[in-house]
N, C-alpha and C. Protein backbone atom coordinates (compact mmCIF):
# COMPACT_ATOMS: atom_id res chain seq x y z
N UNK A 1 -37.97 12.28 -11.53
CA UNK A 1 -36.83 12.35 -10.65
C UNK A 1 -37.13 11.64 -9.32
N UNK A 2 -38.33 11.85 -8.81
CA UNK A 2 -38.68 11.22 -7.54
C UNK A 2 -38.82 9.72 -7.72
N UNK A 3 -39.42 9.31 -8.84
CA UNK A 3 -39.55 7.88 -9.10
C UNK A 3 -38.15 7.26 -9.26
N UNK A 4 -37.26 7.97 -9.90
CA UNK A 4 -35.89 7.47 -10.06
C UNK A 4 -35.16 7.31 -8.74
N UNK A 5 -35.49 8.15 -7.76
CA UNK A 5 -34.86 8.04 -6.44
C UNK A 5 -35.50 6.92 -5.61
N UNK A 6 -36.80 6.72 -5.77
CA UNK A 6 -37.50 5.74 -4.95
C UNK A 6 -37.43 4.32 -5.46
N UNK A 7 -37.33 4.14 -6.75
CA UNK A 7 -37.38 2.80 -7.31
C UNK A 7 -36.18 1.92 -6.96
N UNK A 8 -34.96 2.44 -6.90
CA UNK A 8 -33.86 1.54 -6.51
C UNK A 8 -34.06 0.93 -5.13
N UNK A 9 -34.60 1.72 -4.20
CA UNK A 9 -34.87 1.17 -2.87
C UNK A 9 -35.97 0.12 -2.93
N UNK A 10 -37.00 0.37 -3.74
CA UNK A 10 -38.09 -0.59 -3.85
C UNK A 10 -37.61 -1.88 -4.51
N UNK A 11 -36.79 -1.78 -5.54
CA UNK A 11 -36.27 -2.96 -6.22
C UNK A 11 -35.37 -3.76 -5.28
N UNK A 12 -34.58 -3.06 -4.48
CA UNK A 12 -33.73 -3.75 -3.52
C UNK A 12 -34.58 -4.47 -2.47
N UNK A 13 -35.66 -3.83 -2.03
CA UNK A 13 -36.55 -4.46 -1.06
C UNK A 13 -37.24 -5.68 -1.61
N UNK A 14 -37.70 -5.59 -2.86
CA UNK A 14 -38.35 -6.75 -3.49
C UNK A 14 -37.35 -7.88 -3.67
N UNK A 15 -36.14 -7.56 -4.09
CA UNK A 15 -35.11 -8.60 -4.28
C UNK A 15 -34.77 -9.28 -2.95
N UNK A 16 -34.62 -8.50 -1.90
CA UNK A 16 -34.33 -9.10 -0.59
C UNK A 16 -35.51 -9.94 -0.10
N UNK A 17 -36.72 -9.49 -0.37
CA UNK A 17 -37.90 -10.26 0.02
C UNK A 17 -37.99 -11.58 -0.71
N UNK A 18 -37.68 -11.58 -1.99
CA UNK A 18 -37.72 -12.82 -2.76
C UNK A 18 -36.64 -13.78 -2.27
N UNK A 19 -35.45 -13.27 -2.00
CA UNK A 19 -34.38 -14.12 -1.47
C UNK A 19 -34.76 -14.70 -0.10
N UNK A 20 -35.36 -13.88 0.74
CA UNK A 20 -35.79 -14.38 2.05
C UNK A 20 -36.89 -15.41 1.92
N UNK A 21 -37.79 -15.19 0.98
CA UNK A 21 -38.89 -16.16 0.81
C UNK A 21 -38.37 -17.48 0.25
N UNK A 22 -37.36 -17.44 -0.62
CA UNK A 22 -36.75 -18.69 -1.08
C UNK A 22 -36.10 -19.42 0.09
N UNK A 23 -35.51 -18.65 1.01
CA UNK A 23 -34.89 -19.27 2.17
C UNK A 23 -35.90 -19.89 3.13
N UNK A 24 -37.10 -19.34 3.19
CA UNK A 24 -38.12 -19.83 4.11
C UNK A 24 -39.03 -20.90 3.51
N UNK A 25 -38.84 -21.24 2.26
CA UNK A 25 -39.76 -22.19 1.60
C UNK A 25 -39.76 -23.56 2.25
N UNK A 26 -38.63 -24.01 2.74
CA UNK A 26 -38.64 -25.35 3.35
C UNK A 26 -39.37 -25.36 4.69
N UNK A 27 -39.45 -24.20 5.35
CA UNK A 27 -40.19 -24.13 6.61
C UNK A 27 -41.70 -24.07 6.41
N UNK A 28 -42.14 -23.42 5.33
CA UNK A 28 -43.58 -23.26 5.10
C UNK A 28 -44.13 -24.29 4.11
N UNK A 29 -43.30 -25.16 3.61
CA UNK A 29 -43.76 -26.14 2.62
C UNK A 29 -44.87 -27.02 3.18
N UNK A 30 -44.83 -27.33 4.45
CA UNK A 30 -45.87 -28.18 5.03
C UNK A 30 -47.19 -27.44 5.21
N UNK A 31 -47.17 -26.11 5.15
CA UNK A 31 -48.39 -25.32 5.33
C UNK A 31 -49.11 -25.01 4.02
N UNK A 32 -48.45 -25.25 2.90
CA UNK A 32 -49.04 -24.92 1.61
C UNK A 32 -49.91 -26.06 1.10
N UNK A 33 -51.03 -25.71 0.49
CA UNK A 33 -51.95 -26.71 -0.04
C UNK A 33 -52.03 -26.56 -1.55
N UNK A 34 -51.58 -27.53 -2.28
CA UNK A 34 -51.58 -27.61 -3.74
C UNK A 34 -50.82 -26.46 -4.41
N UNK A 35 -49.82 -25.93 -3.73
CA UNK A 35 -48.95 -24.92 -4.31
C UNK A 35 -47.52 -25.33 -4.01
N UNK A 36 -46.70 -25.32 -5.00
CA UNK A 36 -45.29 -25.65 -4.82
C UNK A 36 -44.60 -24.51 -4.06
N UNK A 37 -43.72 -24.81 -3.14
CA UNK A 37 -43.03 -23.74 -2.40
C UNK A 37 -42.17 -22.86 -3.29
N UNK A 38 -41.74 -23.38 -4.41
CA UNK A 38 -40.89 -22.62 -5.34
C UNK A 38 -41.64 -22.31 -6.64
N UNK A 39 -42.92 -22.05 -6.58
CA UNK A 39 -43.72 -21.78 -7.76
C UNK A 39 -43.27 -20.47 -8.41
N UNK A 40 -42.69 -20.53 -9.62
CA UNK A 40 -42.16 -19.31 -10.24
C UNK A 40 -43.26 -18.31 -10.60
N UNK A 41 -44.45 -18.79 -10.92
CA UNK A 41 -45.54 -17.88 -11.26
C UNK A 41 -45.95 -17.04 -10.05
N UNK A 42 -45.99 -17.66 -8.90
CA UNK A 42 -46.34 -16.93 -7.68
C UNK A 42 -45.27 -15.90 -7.34
N UNK A 43 -44.00 -16.29 -7.42
CA UNK A 43 -42.92 -15.35 -7.12
C UNK A 43 -42.91 -14.19 -8.10
N UNK A 44 -43.11 -14.47 -9.38
CA UNK A 44 -43.12 -13.39 -10.38
C UNK A 44 -44.33 -12.48 -10.18
N UNK A 45 -45.48 -13.07 -9.89
CA UNK A 45 -46.68 -12.25 -9.68
C UNK A 45 -46.55 -11.34 -8.48
N UNK A 46 -46.01 -11.84 -7.40
CA UNK A 46 -45.82 -11.01 -6.20
C UNK A 46 -44.78 -9.93 -6.45
N UNK A 47 -43.71 -10.25 -7.16
CA UNK A 47 -42.68 -9.25 -7.47
C UNK A 47 -43.26 -8.14 -8.34
N UNK A 48 -44.09 -8.50 -9.31
CA UNK A 48 -44.71 -7.49 -10.17
C UNK A 48 -45.68 -6.64 -9.36
N UNK A 49 -46.47 -7.27 -8.51
CA UNK A 49 -47.42 -6.53 -7.68
C UNK A 49 -46.70 -5.55 -6.74
N UNK A 50 -45.64 -5.99 -6.10
CA UNK A 50 -44.88 -5.11 -5.22
C UNK A 50 -44.19 -3.98 -5.99
N UNK A 51 -43.70 -4.29 -7.18
CA UNK A 51 -43.09 -3.24 -8.01
C UNK A 51 -44.10 -2.19 -8.45
N UNK A 52 -45.30 -2.63 -8.83
CA UNK A 52 -46.34 -1.69 -9.23
C UNK A 52 -46.77 -0.83 -8.04
N UNK A 53 -46.85 -1.41 -6.87
CA UNK A 53 -47.19 -0.66 -5.67
C UNK A 53 -46.12 0.39 -5.37
N UNK A 54 -44.87 0.03 -5.55
CA UNK A 54 -43.78 0.97 -5.31
C UNK A 54 -43.82 2.13 -6.31
N UNK A 55 -44.13 1.84 -7.57
CA UNK A 55 -44.24 2.90 -8.58
C UNK A 55 -45.35 3.86 -8.19
N UNK A 56 -46.50 3.33 -7.80
CA UNK A 56 -47.60 4.20 -7.38
C UNK A 56 -47.24 5.01 -6.14
N UNK A 57 -46.54 4.38 -5.20
CA UNK A 57 -46.15 5.08 -3.98
C UNK A 57 -45.16 6.20 -4.26
N UNK A 58 -44.39 6.10 -5.32
CA UNK A 58 -43.47 7.18 -5.70
C UNK A 58 -44.16 8.21 -6.58
N UNK A 59 -45.01 7.75 -7.48
CA UNK A 59 -45.60 8.63 -8.49
C UNK A 59 -46.69 9.54 -7.94
N UNK A 60 -47.59 9.01 -7.13
CA UNK A 60 -48.73 9.80 -6.67
C UNK A 60 -48.32 11.03 -5.85
N UNK A 61 -47.44 10.92 -4.86
CA UNK A 61 -47.03 12.14 -4.15
C UNK A 61 -46.27 13.12 -5.05
N UNK A 62 -45.48 12.59 -5.98
CA UNK A 62 -44.74 13.47 -6.88
C UNK A 62 -45.69 14.24 -7.79
N UNK A 63 -46.72 13.56 -8.28
CA UNK A 63 -47.70 14.23 -9.14
C UNK A 63 -48.45 15.31 -8.37
N UNK A 64 -48.82 14.99 -7.14
CA UNK A 64 -49.54 15.96 -6.32
C UNK A 64 -48.66 17.16 -6.00
N UNK A 65 -47.40 16.92 -5.69
CA UNK A 65 -46.49 18.01 -5.37
C UNK A 65 -46.19 18.88 -6.58
N UNK A 66 -46.22 18.30 -7.78
CA UNK A 66 -45.93 19.09 -8.98
C UNK A 66 -47.08 20.03 -9.34
N UNK A 67 -48.26 19.79 -8.80
CA UNK A 67 -49.41 20.65 -9.08
C UNK A 67 -49.45 21.89 -8.19
N UNK A 68 -48.62 21.95 -7.16
CA UNK A 68 -48.62 23.08 -6.24
C UNK A 68 -47.79 24.21 -6.84
N UNK A 69 -48.36 25.40 -6.85
CA UNK A 69 -47.64 26.57 -7.33
C UNK A 69 -46.60 26.97 -6.28
N UNK A 70 -45.33 27.10 -6.64
CA UNK A 70 -44.30 27.42 -5.65
C UNK A 70 -44.55 28.75 -4.93
N UNK A 71 -45.10 29.73 -5.62
CA UNK A 71 -45.35 31.02 -4.98
C UNK A 71 -46.44 30.90 -3.91
N UNK A 72 -47.45 30.10 -4.18
CA UNK A 72 -48.50 29.90 -3.18
C UNK A 72 -47.94 29.15 -1.97
N UNK A 73 -47.10 28.16 -2.21
CA UNK A 73 -46.50 27.42 -1.10
C UNK A 73 -45.61 28.30 -0.25
N UNK A 74 -44.87 29.21 -0.88
CA UNK A 74 -43.99 30.12 -0.14
C UNK A 74 -44.78 31.13 0.68
N UNK A 75 -45.92 31.54 0.16
CA UNK A 75 -46.75 32.51 0.90
C UNK A 75 -47.27 31.91 2.20
N UNK A 76 -47.58 30.63 2.20
CA UNK A 76 -48.13 30.00 3.40
C UNK A 76 -47.08 29.62 4.42
N UNK A 77 -45.82 29.71 4.05
CA UNK A 77 -44.76 29.34 5.00
C UNK A 77 -44.33 30.52 5.73
């Protein structure tokens, strides 16, 4: 459930980042060495890396929170 809530925001962020990076390619093209500004492998690799990071960022706190006994948490509050 938590991953389902967090992933749409992460996907939207990755999509906006890719669109912004396509827009900035003509400005950074002179700074790149032996890499095409529109290299599809680089864009796909970064999108996959950011998506995997977002999954971990949603999953790890959810897994940790699911291990807490609700009665123990209520006692400490």
